[in-house]
Amino acid sequence: MDSDGQHTVAALASCVATFSRQPQQLVIGVRHFTNAVPFRSQFGNLLTSGLVRLLTHQNISDTQTGLRVIPIRYIPALIRFPGDRFEFEFDMLLQAKKYQIKVIEQPIPTIYLDGNSSSHFRVIRDSIAIYARFFKFAASGLISFVVDISLFYLTLFILGNHVLNSILIATIASRVLSSIVNYAINHRVVFEHAGQQTLLKYAGLFIVQMLASGFLTNALTAVLPASSGQIVPTIAKMLVDFMLFIISYQIQRDFIFKERTQHVQ
């Protein structure tokens, strides 16, 4: 329980009562956010709640609550988690599913003293620490995107037209090199060597995504206003690849670089 004066004895008792009925699960006290809640608390909770939904498919309405009842069986895993402060609290929620820990919400009163001045949440610094993995994936995607789109434009420039065959050739040439960069960064940095047979799985995703990018780029190019040069197909490719980037993240997280489900006693 945080010592910032936001939690009452009654709130603690209600969480303990809920935990006593399901002692193998993680119980968190969730606050009701209204306009009276300080901006930095609303801002931080909104971002982290959205990221939790994206990363774990769990709807957790209060990711920054400081009132939690933690099951003993989760402790051995928690003491090995890197980081501290809000990063650790966030990781506790992100990793719960991996260890087959269910997160149970218990409503509690929302109390802020002097505009939440006692809170130690540092909006910029703590947010960066919390979102580190997604930031790394986004950076990896950005680097690969720059390599990909630059080679795509250069190849079309060399070929001198943007018919389907040329677009497919440019897509293949640019995607091969950019995918090597993307896989290396994601495997080593973003997902930290998680998953099994990742290279084979990634190769399958690469082929499907490459073909989808080529055909969808050609289709979108055909409906966009015509112009000379390579600008229109390049813009079409950027739009298509952004959509494929979102889909790719879900597949890489849930299938290719998925960590083994671990049991805790």
C-alpha atoms as a PDB file:
ATOM      1  CA  MET A   1       0.000   0.000   0.000  1.00  0.00           C
ATOM      2  CA  ASP A   2       1.410   3.394  -1.024  1.00  0.00           C
ATOM      3  CA  SER A   3       2.076   5.820   1.814  1.00  0.00           C
ATOM      4  CA  ASP A   4       0.793   8.915  -0.015  1.00  0.00           C
ATOM      5  CA  GLY A   5      -2.465   9.154   1.959  1.00  0.00           C
ATOM      6  CA  GLN A   6      -4.719   8.013  -0.905  1.00  0.00           C
ATOM      7  CA  HIS A   7      -5.915   4.754   0.668  1.00  0.00           C
ATOM      8  CA  THR A   8      -8.149   4.276   3.676  1.00  0.00           C
ATOM      9  CA  VAL A   9      -8.304   1.401   6.141  1.00  0.00           C
ATOM     10  CA  ALA A  10     -11.736   0.559   4.755  1.00  0.00           C
ATOM     11  CA  ALA A  11     -10.324   0.355   1.211  1.00  0.00           C
ATOM     12  CA  LEU A  12      -7.573  -1.963   2.398  1.00  0.00           C
ATOM     13  CA  ALA A  13     -10.107  -4.132   4.241  1.00  0.00           C
ATOM     14  CA  SER A  14     -12.276  -4.453   1.121  1.00  0.00           C
ATOM     15  CA  CYS A  15      -9.281  -5.589  -0.956  1.00  0.00           C
ATOM     16  CA  VAL A  16      -8.236  -8.115   1.686  1.00  0.00           C
ATOM     17  CA  ALA A  17     -11.794  -9.449   1.841  1.00  0.00           C
ATOM     18  CA  THR A  18     -11.837  -9.941  -1.934  1.00  0.00           C
ATOM     19  CA  PHE A  19      -8.428 -11.590  -1.778  1.00  0.00           C
ATOM     20  CA  SER A  20      -9.576 -14.006   0.939  1.00  0.00           C
ATOM     21  CA  ARG A  21     -12.136 -15.383  -1.507  1.00  0.00           C
ATOM     22  CA  GLN A  22      -9.534 -15.844  -4.269  1.00  0.00           C
ATOM     23  CA  PRO A  23      -6.136 -16.079  -2.562  1.00  0.00           C
ATOM     24  CA  GLN A  24      -4.327 -17.298  -5.660  1.00  0.00           C
ATOM     25  CA  GLN A  25      -5.010 -14.130  -7.648  1.00  0.00           C
ATOM     26  CA  LEU A  26      -3.761 -10.529  -7.664  1.00  0.00           C
ATOM     27  CA  VAL A  27      -6.277  -8.078  -6.215  1.00  0.00           C
ATOM     28  CA  ILE A  28      -5.903  -4.382  -7.045  1.00  0.00           C
ATOM     29  CA  GLY A  29      -7.861  -1.476  -5.632  1.00  0.00           C
ATOM     30  CA  VAL A  30      -9.217   0.552  -8.546  1.00  0.00           C
ATOM     31  CA  ARG A  31     -10.139   4.213  -8.262  1.00  0.00           C
ATOM     32  CA  HIS A  32     -12.957   5.994 -10.053  1.00  0.00           C
ATOM     33  CA  PHE A  33     -11.473   8.689 -12.299  1.00  0.00           C
ATOM     34  CA  THR A  34     -13.466  11.909 -12.680  1.00  0.00           C
ATOM     35  CA  ASN A  35     -12.681  15.479 -13.686  1.00  0.00           C
ATOM     36  CA  ALA A  36     -11.749  16.159 -10.078  1.00  0.00           C
ATOM     37  CA  VAL A  37      -8.770  13.833 -10.420  1.00  0.00           C
ATOM     38  CA  PRO A  38      -5.460  15.686 -11.019  1.00  0.00           C
ATOM     39  CA  PHE A  39      -4.382  15.790 -14.681  1.00  0.00           C
ATOM     40  CA  ARG A  40      -1.120  13.874 -14.276  1.00  0.00           C
ATOM     41  CA  SER A  41      -2.956  10.994 -12.609  1.00  0.00           C
ATOM     42  CA  GLN A  42      -5.587  10.871 -15.373  1.00  0.00           C
ATOM     43  CA  PHE A  43      -2.914  11.210 -18.069  1.00  0.00           C
ATOM     44  CA  GLY A  44      -0.667   8.466 -16.733  1.00  0.00           C
ATOM     45  CA  ASN A  45      -3.506   6.045 -16.066  1.00  0.00           C
ATOM     46  CA  LEU A  46      -5.111   6.615 -19.469  1.00  0.00           C
ATOM     47  CA  LEU A  47      -1.881   5.845 -21.319  1.00  0.00           C
ATOM     48  CA  THR A  48      -0.916   2.800 -19.277  1.00  0.00           C
ATOM     49  CA  SER A  49      -4.432   1.332 -19.374  1.00  0.00           C
ATOM     50  CA  GLY A  50      -4.440   1.625 -23.148  1.00  0.00           C
ATOM     51  CA  LEU A  51      -1.005   0.036 -23.386  1.00  0.00           C
ATOM     52  CA  VAL A  52      -2.061  -2.854 -21.144  1.00  0.00           C
ATOM     53  CA  ARG A  53      -5.008  -3.547 -23.445  1.00  0.00           C
ATOM     54  CA  LEU A  54      -2.686  -3.480 -26.447  1.00  0.00           C
ATOM     55  CA  LEU A  55       0.021  -5.672 -24.944  1.00  0.00           C
ATOM     56  CA  THR A  56      -1.980  -8.171 -22.883  1.00  0.00           C
ATOM     57  CA  HIS A  57      -5.603  -7.983 -24.083  1.00  0.00           C
ATOM     58  CA  GLN A  58      -6.628  -7.297 -20.478  1.00  0.00           C
ATOM     59  CA  ASN A  59      -8.913  -4.468 -19.443  1.00  0.00           C
ATOM     60  CA  ILE A  60      -7.391  -3.056 -16.274  1.00  0.00           C
ATOM     61  CA  SER A  61      -9.025   0.249 -15.395  1.00  0.00           C
ATOM     62  CA  ASP A  62      -6.401   1.479 -12.900  1.00  0.00           C
ATOM     63  CA  THR A  63      -2.842   0.448 -13.757  1.00  0.00           C
ATOM     64  CA  GLN A  64      -1.214   2.844 -11.306  1.00  0.00           C
ATOM     65  CA  THR A  65      -3.066   1.944  -8.165  1.00  0.00           C
ATOM     66  CA  GLY A  66      -0.850   1.684  -5.115  1.00  0.00           C
ATOM     67  CA  LEU A  67      -3.187  -0.675  -3.275  1.00  0.00           C
ATOM     68  CA  ARG A  68      -2.575  -4.321  -4.175  1.00  0.00           C
ATOM     69  CA  VAL A  69      -2.889  -7.680  -2.461  1.00  0.00           C
ATOM     70  CA  ILE A  70      -0.280  -9.989  -3.993  1.00  0.00           C
ATOM     71  CA  PRO A  71      -0.554 -13.793  -3.792  1.00  0.00           C
ATOM     72  CA  ILE A  72       2.416 -15.608  -2.280  1.00  0.00           C
ATOM     73  CA  ARG A  73       2.783 -17.769  -5.394  1.00  0.00           C
ATOM     74  CA  TYR A  74       3.564 -14.666  -7.478  1.00  0.00           C
ATOM     75  CA  ILE A  75       6.378 -13.471  -5.184  1.00  0.00           C
ATOM     76  CA  PRO A  76       9.217 -15.711  -6.543  1.00  0.00           C
ATOM     77  CA  ALA A  77       8.643 -14.277 -10.016  1.00  0.00           C
ATOM     78  CA  LEU A  78       8.261 -10.672  -8.833  1.00  0.00           C
ATOM     79  CA  ILE A  79      11.568 -10.572  -6.976  1.00  0.00           C
ATOM     80  CA  ARG A  80      13.329 -11.363 -10.249  1.00  0.00           C
ATOM     81  CA  PHE A  81      11.683  -8.510 -12.169  1.00  0.00           C
ATOM     82  CA  PRO A  82      14.083  -5.736 -13.242  1.00  0.00           C
ATOM     83  CA  GLY A  83      13.331  -2.103 -12.538  1.00  0.00           C
ATOM     84  CA  ASP A  84      11.504  -0.448  -9.675  1.00  0.00           C
ATOM     85  CA  ARG A  85       8.940   2.244  -8.899  1.00  0.00           C
ATOM     86  CA  PHE A  86       6.097   2.563 -11.431  1.00  0.00           C
ATOM     87  CA  GLU A  87       7.960   0.464 -13.976  1.00  0.00           C
ATOM     88  CA  PHE A  88       7.876  -2.483 -11.560  1.00  0.00           C
ATOM     89  CA  GLU A  89       4.196  -1.924 -10.725  1.00  0.00           C
ATOM     90  CA  PHE A  90       3.345  -1.839 -14.426  1.00  0.00           C
ATOM     91  CA  ASP A  91       5.374  -4.981 -15.154  1.00  0.00           C
ATOM     92  CA  MET A  92       3.507  -6.755 -12.367  1.00  0.00           C
ATOM     93  CA  LEU A  93       0.304  -6.337 -14.351  1.00  0.00           C
ATOM     94  CA  LEU A  94       1.839  -7.040 -17.762  1.00  0.00           C
ATOM     95  CA  GLN A  95       3.444 -10.301 -16.641  1.00  0.00           C
ATOM     96  CA  ALA A  96       0.529 -11.624 -14.565  1.00  0.00           C
ATOM     97  CA  LYS A  97      -1.019 -13.532 -17.448  1.00  0.00           C
ATOM     98  CA  LYS A  98       2.297 -15.187 -18.220  1.00  0.00           C
ATOM     99  CA  TYR A  99       2.362 -16.660 -14.709  1.00  0.00           C
ATOM    100  CA  GLN A 100      -1.338 -17.545 -14.821  1.00  0.00           C
ATOM    101  CA  ILE A 101      -2.216 -14.877 -12.280  1.00  0.00           C
ATOM    102  CA  LYS A 102      -5.632 -13.303 -12.753  1.00  0.00           C
ATOM    103  CA  VAL A 103      -5.982  -9.600 -11.970  1.00  0.00           C
ATOM    104  CA  ILE A 104      -9.118  -8.903  -9.930  1.00  0.00           C
ATOM    105  CA  GLU A 105     -10.375  -5.348  -9.469  1.00  0.00           C
ATOM    106  CA  GLN A 106     -11.860  -4.095  -6.229  1.00  0.00           C
ATOM    107  CA  PRO A 107     -13.435  -0.590  -6.335  1.00  0.00           C
ATOM    108  CA  ILE A 108     -12.047   1.804  -3.713  1.00  0.00           C
ATOM    109  CA  PRO A 109     -12.598   5.507  -2.909  1.00  0.00           C
ATOM    110  CA  THR A 110     -10.635   8.097  -4.861  1.00  0.00           C
ATOM    111  CA  ILE A 111      -8.790  10.388  -2.468  1.00  0.00           C
ATOM    112  CA  TYR A 112      -6.329  13.139  -3.430  1.00  0.00           C
ATOM    113  CA  LEU A 113      -4.722  15.470  -0.906  1.00  0.00           C
ATOM    114  CA  ASP A 114      -3.580  18.922  -2.088  1.00  0.00           C
ATOM    115  CA  GLY A 115      -3.974  18.034  -5.762  1.00  0.00           C
ATOM    116  CA  ASN A 116      -2.064  14.769  -5.328  1.00  0.00           C
ATOM    117  CA  SER A 117       1.107  16.646  -4.412  1.00  0.00           C
ATOM    118  CA  SER A 118       2.301  13.643  -2.387  1.00  0.00           C
ATOM    119  CA  SER A 119       2.472  11.425  -5.474  1.00  0.00           C
ATOM    120  CA  HIS A 120       5.975  10.510  -6.638  1.00  0.00           C
ATOM    121  CA  PHE A 121       4.936   9.841 -10.240  1.00  0.00           C
ATOM    122  CA  ARG A 122       7.279  11.691 -12.633  1.00  0.00           C
ATOM    123  CA  VAL A 123       5.215  12.079 -15.801  1.00  0.00           C
ATOM    124  CA  ILE A 124       8.040  12.089 -18.371  1.00  0.00           C
ATOM    125  CA  ARG A 125      10.695   9.924 -16.726  1.00  0.00           C
ATOM    126  CA  ASP A 126       8.370   7.266 -15.304  1.00  0.00           C
ATOM    127  CA  SER A 127       6.273   7.132 -18.472  1.00  0.00           C
ATOM    128  CA  ILE A 128       9.402   6.416 -20.544  1.00  0.00           C
ATOM    129  CA  ALA A 129      10.386   3.622 -18.156  1.00  0.00           C
ATOM    130  CA  ILE A 130       6.886   2.125 -18.223  1.00  0.00           C
ATOM    131  CA  TYR A 131       6.580   2.168 -22.010  1.00  0.00           C
ATOM    132  CA  ALA A 132      10.159   1.048 -22.692  1.00  0.00           C
ATOM    133  CA  ARG A 133       9.298  -2.177 -24.542  1.00  0.00           C
ATOM    134  CA  PHE A 134       6.732  -0.569 -26.832  1.00  0.00           C
ATOM    135  CA  PHE A 135       9.070   2.361 -27.476  1.00  0.00           C
ATOM    136  CA  LYS A 136      11.811  -0.085 -28.479  1.00  0.00           C
ATOM    137  CA  PHE A 137       9.447  -1.882 -30.857  1.00  0.00           C
ATOM    138  CA  ALA A 138       8.332   1.427 -32.357  1.00  0.00           C
ATOM    139  CA  ALA A 139      11.972   2.511 -32.771  1.00  0.00           C
ATOM    140  CA  SER A 140      12.782  -0.824 -34.397  1.00  0.00           C
ATOM    141  CA  GLY A 141       9.861  -0.379 -36.760  1.00  0.00           C
ATOM    142  CA  LEU A 142      10.927   3.198 -37.557  1.00  0.00           C
ATOM    143  CA  ILE A 143      14.475   2.162 -38.417  1.00  0.00           C
ATOM    144  CA  SER A 144      13.225  -0.683 -40.600  1.00  0.00           C
ATOM    145  CA  PHE A 145      10.679   1.660 -42.197  1.00  0.00           C
ATOM    146  CA  VAL A 146      13.374   4.186 -43.165  1.00  0.00           C
ATOM    147  CA  VAL A 147      15.512   1.431 -44.707  1.00  0.00           C
ATOM    148  CA  ASP A 148      12.481  -0.094 -46.442  1.00  0.00           C
ATOM    149  CA  ILE A 149      10.947   3.071 -47.902  1.00  0.00           C
ATOM    150  CA  SER A 150      14.317   4.448 -49.021  1.00  0.00           C
ATOM    151  CA  LEU A 151      15.203   1.283 -50.925  1.00  0.00           C
ATOM    152  CA  PHE A 152      11.667   1.068 -52.320  1.00  0.00           C
ATOM    153  CA  TYR A 153      11.873   4.597 -53.730  1.00  0.00           C
ATOM    154  CA  LEU A 154      15.403   4.009 -55.065  1.00  0.00           C
ATOM    155  CA  THR A 155      14.420   0.748 -56.785  1.00  0.00           C
ATOM    156  CA  LEU A 156      11.395   2.352 -58.473  1.00  0.00           C
ATOM    157  CA  PHE A 157      13.608   5.239 -59.556  1.00  0.00           C
ATOM    158  CA  ILE A 158      16.060   2.820 -61.160  1.00  0.00           C
ATOM    159  CA  LEU A 159      13.298   0.792 -62.844  1.00  0.00           C
ATOM    160  CA  GLY A 160      11.653   3.977 -64.052  1.00  0.00           C
ATOM    161  CA  ASN A 161       7.943   3.039 -63.662  1.00  0.00           C
ATOM    162  CA  HIS A 162       5.412   1.936 -61.075  1.00  0.00           C
ATOM    163  CA  VAL A 163       3.437  -0.878 -62.687  1.00  0.00           C
ATOM    164  CA  LEU A 164       2.666  -3.968 -60.598  1.00  0.00           C
ATOM    165  CA  ASN A 165       5.833  -5.874 -61.562  1.00  0.00           C
ATOM    166  CA  SER A 166       8.057  -2.944 -60.643  1.00  0.00           C
ATOM    167  CA  ILE A 167       6.240  -2.382 -57.348  1.00  0.00           C
ATOM    168  CA  LEU A 168       6.610  -6.051 -56.438  1.00  0.00           C
ATOM    169  CA  ILE A 169      10.311  -6.027 -57.328  1.00  0.00           C
ATOM    170  CA  ALA A 170      10.869  -2.850 -55.319  1.00  0.00           C
ATOM    171  CA  THR A 171       8.877  -4.261 -52.395  1.00  0.00           C
ATOM    172  CA  ILE A 172      10.868  -7.503 -52.332  1.00  0.00           C
ATOM    173  CA  ALA A 173      14.242  -5.780 -52.618  1.00  0.00           C
ATOM    174  CA  SER A 174      13.506  -3.235 -49.893  1.00  0.00           C
ATOM    175  CA  ARG A 175      11.685  -5.614 -47.568  1.00  0.00           C
ATOM    176  CA  VAL A 176      14.440  -8.267 -47.542  1.00  0.00           C
ATOM    177  CA  LEU A 177      17.056  -5.899 -46.160  1.00  0.00           C
ATOM    178  CA  SER A 178      14.701  -4.034 -43.814  1.00  0.00           C
ATOM    179  CA  SER A 179      13.347  -7.315 -42.407  1.00  0.00           C
ATOM    180  CA  ILE A 180      16.849  -8.471 -41.511  1.00  0.00           C
ATOM    181  CA  VAL A 181      17.324  -5.242 -39.563  1.00  0.00           C
ATOM    182  CA  ASN A 182      13.867  -5.540 -37.974  1.00  0.00           C
ATOM    183  CA  TYR A 183      14.279  -9.170 -36.891  1.00  0.00           C
ATOM    184  CA  ALA A 184      17.694  -8.565 -35.358  1.00  0.00           C
ATOM    185  CA  ILE A 185      16.470  -5.609 -33.293  1.00  0.00           C
ATOM    186  CA  ASN A 186      13.185  -7.225 -32.212  1.00  0.00           C
ATOM    187  CA  HIS A 187      14.765 -10.558 -31.303  1.00  0.00           C
ATOM    188  CA  ARG A 188      17.680  -9.142 -29.313  1.00  0.00           C
ATOM    189  CA  VAL A 189      16.400  -5.841 -27.933  1.00  0.00           C
ATOM    190  CA  VAL A 190      12.603  -5.633 -27.927  1.00  0.00           C
ATOM    191  CA  PHE A 191      11.584  -9.170 -26.962  1.00  0.00           C
ATOM    192  CA  GLU A 192      14.926 -10.150 -25.378  1.00  0.00           C
ATOM    193  CA  HIS A 193      15.395 -13.535 -27.109  1.00  0.00           C
ATOM    194  CA  ALA A 194      11.917 -14.769 -26.140  1.00  0.00           C
ATOM    195  CA  GLY A 195      10.130 -17.402 -28.201  1.00  0.00           C
ATOM    196  CA  GLN A 196      11.132 -20.575 -30.023  1.00  0.00           C
ATOM    197  CA  GLN A 197      12.018 -21.089 -33.682  1.00  0.00           C
ATOM    198  CA  THR A 198      11.600 -17.362 -34.080  1.00  0.00           C
ATOM    199  CA  LEU A 199      13.608 -17.086 -37.308  1.00  0.00           C
ATOM    200  CA  LEU A 200      11.396 -19.628 -39.092  1.00  0.00           C
ATOM    201  CA  LYS A 201       8.192 -18.003 -37.842  1.00  0.00           C
ATOM    202  CA  TYR A 202       9.453 -14.534 -38.704  1.00  0.00           C
ATOM    203  CA  ALA A 203      10.363 -15.725 -42.214  1.00  0.00           C
ATOM    204  CA  GLY A 204       6.755 -16.882 -42.705  1.00  0.00           C
ATOM    205  CA  LEU A 205       5.416 -13.529 -41.500  1.00  0.00           C
ATOM    206  CA  PHE A 206       7.945 -11.753 -43.725  1.00  0.00           C
ATOM    207  CA  ILE A 207       6.750 -13.535 -46.887  1.00  0.00           C
ATOM    208  CA  VAL A 208       3.055 -12.922 -46.180  1.00  0.00           C
ATOM    209  CA  GLN A 209       3.618  -9.302 -45.172  1.00  0.00           C
ATOM    210  CA  MET A 210       5.847  -8.636 -48.173  1.00  0.00           C
ATOM    211  CA  LEU A 211       3.278  -9.949 -50.658  1.00  0.00           C
ATOM    212  CA  ALA A 212       0.462  -8.126 -48.871  1.00  0.00           C
ATOM    213  CA  SER A 213       2.486  -4.907 -48.990  1.00  0.00           C
ATOM    214  CA  GLY A 214       3.154  -5.264 -52.708  1.00  0.00           C
ATOM    215  CA  PHE A 215      -0.396  -6.073 -53.806  1.00  0.00           C
ATOM    216  CA  LEU A 216      -2.082  -3.621 -51.430  1.00  0.00           C
ATOM    217  CA  THR A 217       0.340  -0.850 -52.414  1.00  0.00           C
ATOM    218  CA  ASN A 218      -0.425  -1.485 -56.072  1.00  0.00           C
ATOM    219  CA  ALA A 219      -4.179  -1.461 -55.386  1.00  0.00           C
ATOM    220  CA  LEU A 220      -3.979   1.775 -53.389  1.00  0.00           C
ATOM    221  CA  THR A 221      -1.742   3.385 -56.023  1.00  0.00           C
ATOM    222  CA  ALA A 222      -4.416   2.686 -58.633  1.00  0.00           C
ATOM    223  CA  VAL A 223      -7.102   4.587 -56.701  1.00  0.00           C
ATOM    224  CA  LEU A 224      -4.945   7.550 -55.634  1.00  0.00           C
ATOM    225  CA  PRO A 225      -4.667  10.585 -57.947  1.00  0.00           C
ATOM    226  CA  ALA A 226      -2.189   9.839 -60.721  1.00  0.00           C
ATOM    227  CA  SER A 227       1.090  11.728 -60.917  1.00  0.00           C
ATOM    228  CA  SER A 228       4.483  11.327 -62.506  1.00  0.00           C
ATOM    229  CA  GLY A 229       7.405   9.833 -60.644  1.00  0.00           C
ATOM    230  CA  GLN A 230       7.449   7.610 -57.605  1.00  0.00           C
ATOM    231  CA  ILE A 231       5.666   9.847 -55.078  1.00  0.00           C
ATOM    232  CA  VAL A 232       2.183   8.282 -55.276  1.00  0.00           C
ATOM    233  CA  PRO A 233       3.279   4.620 -54.933  1.00  0.00           C
ATOM    234  CA  THR A 234       5.662   5.631 -52.135  1.00  0.00           C
ATOM    235  CA  ILE A 235       2.842   7.356 -50.236  1.00  0.00           C
ATOM    236  CA  ALA A 236       0.604   4.338 -50.868  1.00  0.00           C
ATOM    237  CA  LYS A 237       3.295   2.045 -49.480  1.00  0.00           C
ATOM    238  CA  MET A 238       3.689   4.189 -46.371  1.00  0.00           C
ATOM    239  CA  LEU A 239      -0.055   3.955 -45.640  1.00  0.00           C
ATOM    240  CA  VAL A 240      -0.184   0.212 -46.284  1.00  0.00           C
ATOM    241  CA  ASP A 241       2.918  -0.536 -44.249  1.00  0.00           C
ATOM    242  CA  PHE A 242       1.652   1.452 -41.271  1.00  0.00           C
ATOM    243  CA  MET A 243      -1.438  -0.750 -41.180  1.00  0.00           C
ATOM    244  CA  LEU A 244       0.729  -3.858 -41.570  1.00  0.00           C
ATOM    245  CA  PHE A 245       3.018  -2.588 -38.772  1.00  0.00           C
ATOM    246  CA  ILE A 246       0.143  -2.645 -36.266  1.00  0.00           C
ATOM    247  CA  ILE A 247      -0.884  -6.141 -37.350  1.00  0.00           C
ATOM    248  CA  SER A 248       2.739  -7.310 -37.330  1.00  0.00           C
ATOM    249  CA  TYR A 249       3.264  -6.171 -33.744  1.00  0.00           C
ATOM    250  CA  GLN A 250       0.320  -8.261 -32.560  1.00  0.00           C
ATOM    251  CA  ILE A 251       1.589 -11.346 -34.405  1.00  0.00           C
ATOM    252  CA  GLN A 252       5.176 -10.956 -33.216  1.00  0.00           C
ATOM    253  CA  ARG A 253       4.111 -10.432 -29.603  1.00  0.00           C
ATOM    254  CA  ASP A 254       1.506 -13.207 -29.442  1.00  0.00           C
ATOM    255  CA  PHE A 255       3.087 -15.839 -31.683  1.00  0.00           C
ATOM    256  CA  ILE A 256       6.671 -15.331 -32.847  1.00  0.00           C
ATOM    257  CA  PHE A 257       8.356 -13.906 -29.749  1.00  0.00           C
ATOM    258  CA  LYS A 258       5.833 -15.209 -27.238  1.00  0.00           C
ATOM    259  CA  GLU A 259       7.378 -16.150 -23.923  1.00  0.00           C
ATOM    260  CA  ARG A 260       6.659 -19.549 -22.500  1.00  0.00           C
ATOM    261  CA  THR A 261       3.807 -19.645 -20.026  1.00  0.00           C
ATOM    262  CA  GLN A 262       5.366 -20.173 -16.616  1.00  0.00           C
ATOM    263  CA  HIS A 263       3.715 -21.761 -13.623  1.00  0.00           C
ATOM    264  CA  VAL A 264       4.296 -20.408 -10.144  1.00  0.00           C
ATOM    265  CA  GLN A 265       3.699 -22.380  -6.994  1.00  0.00           C
END
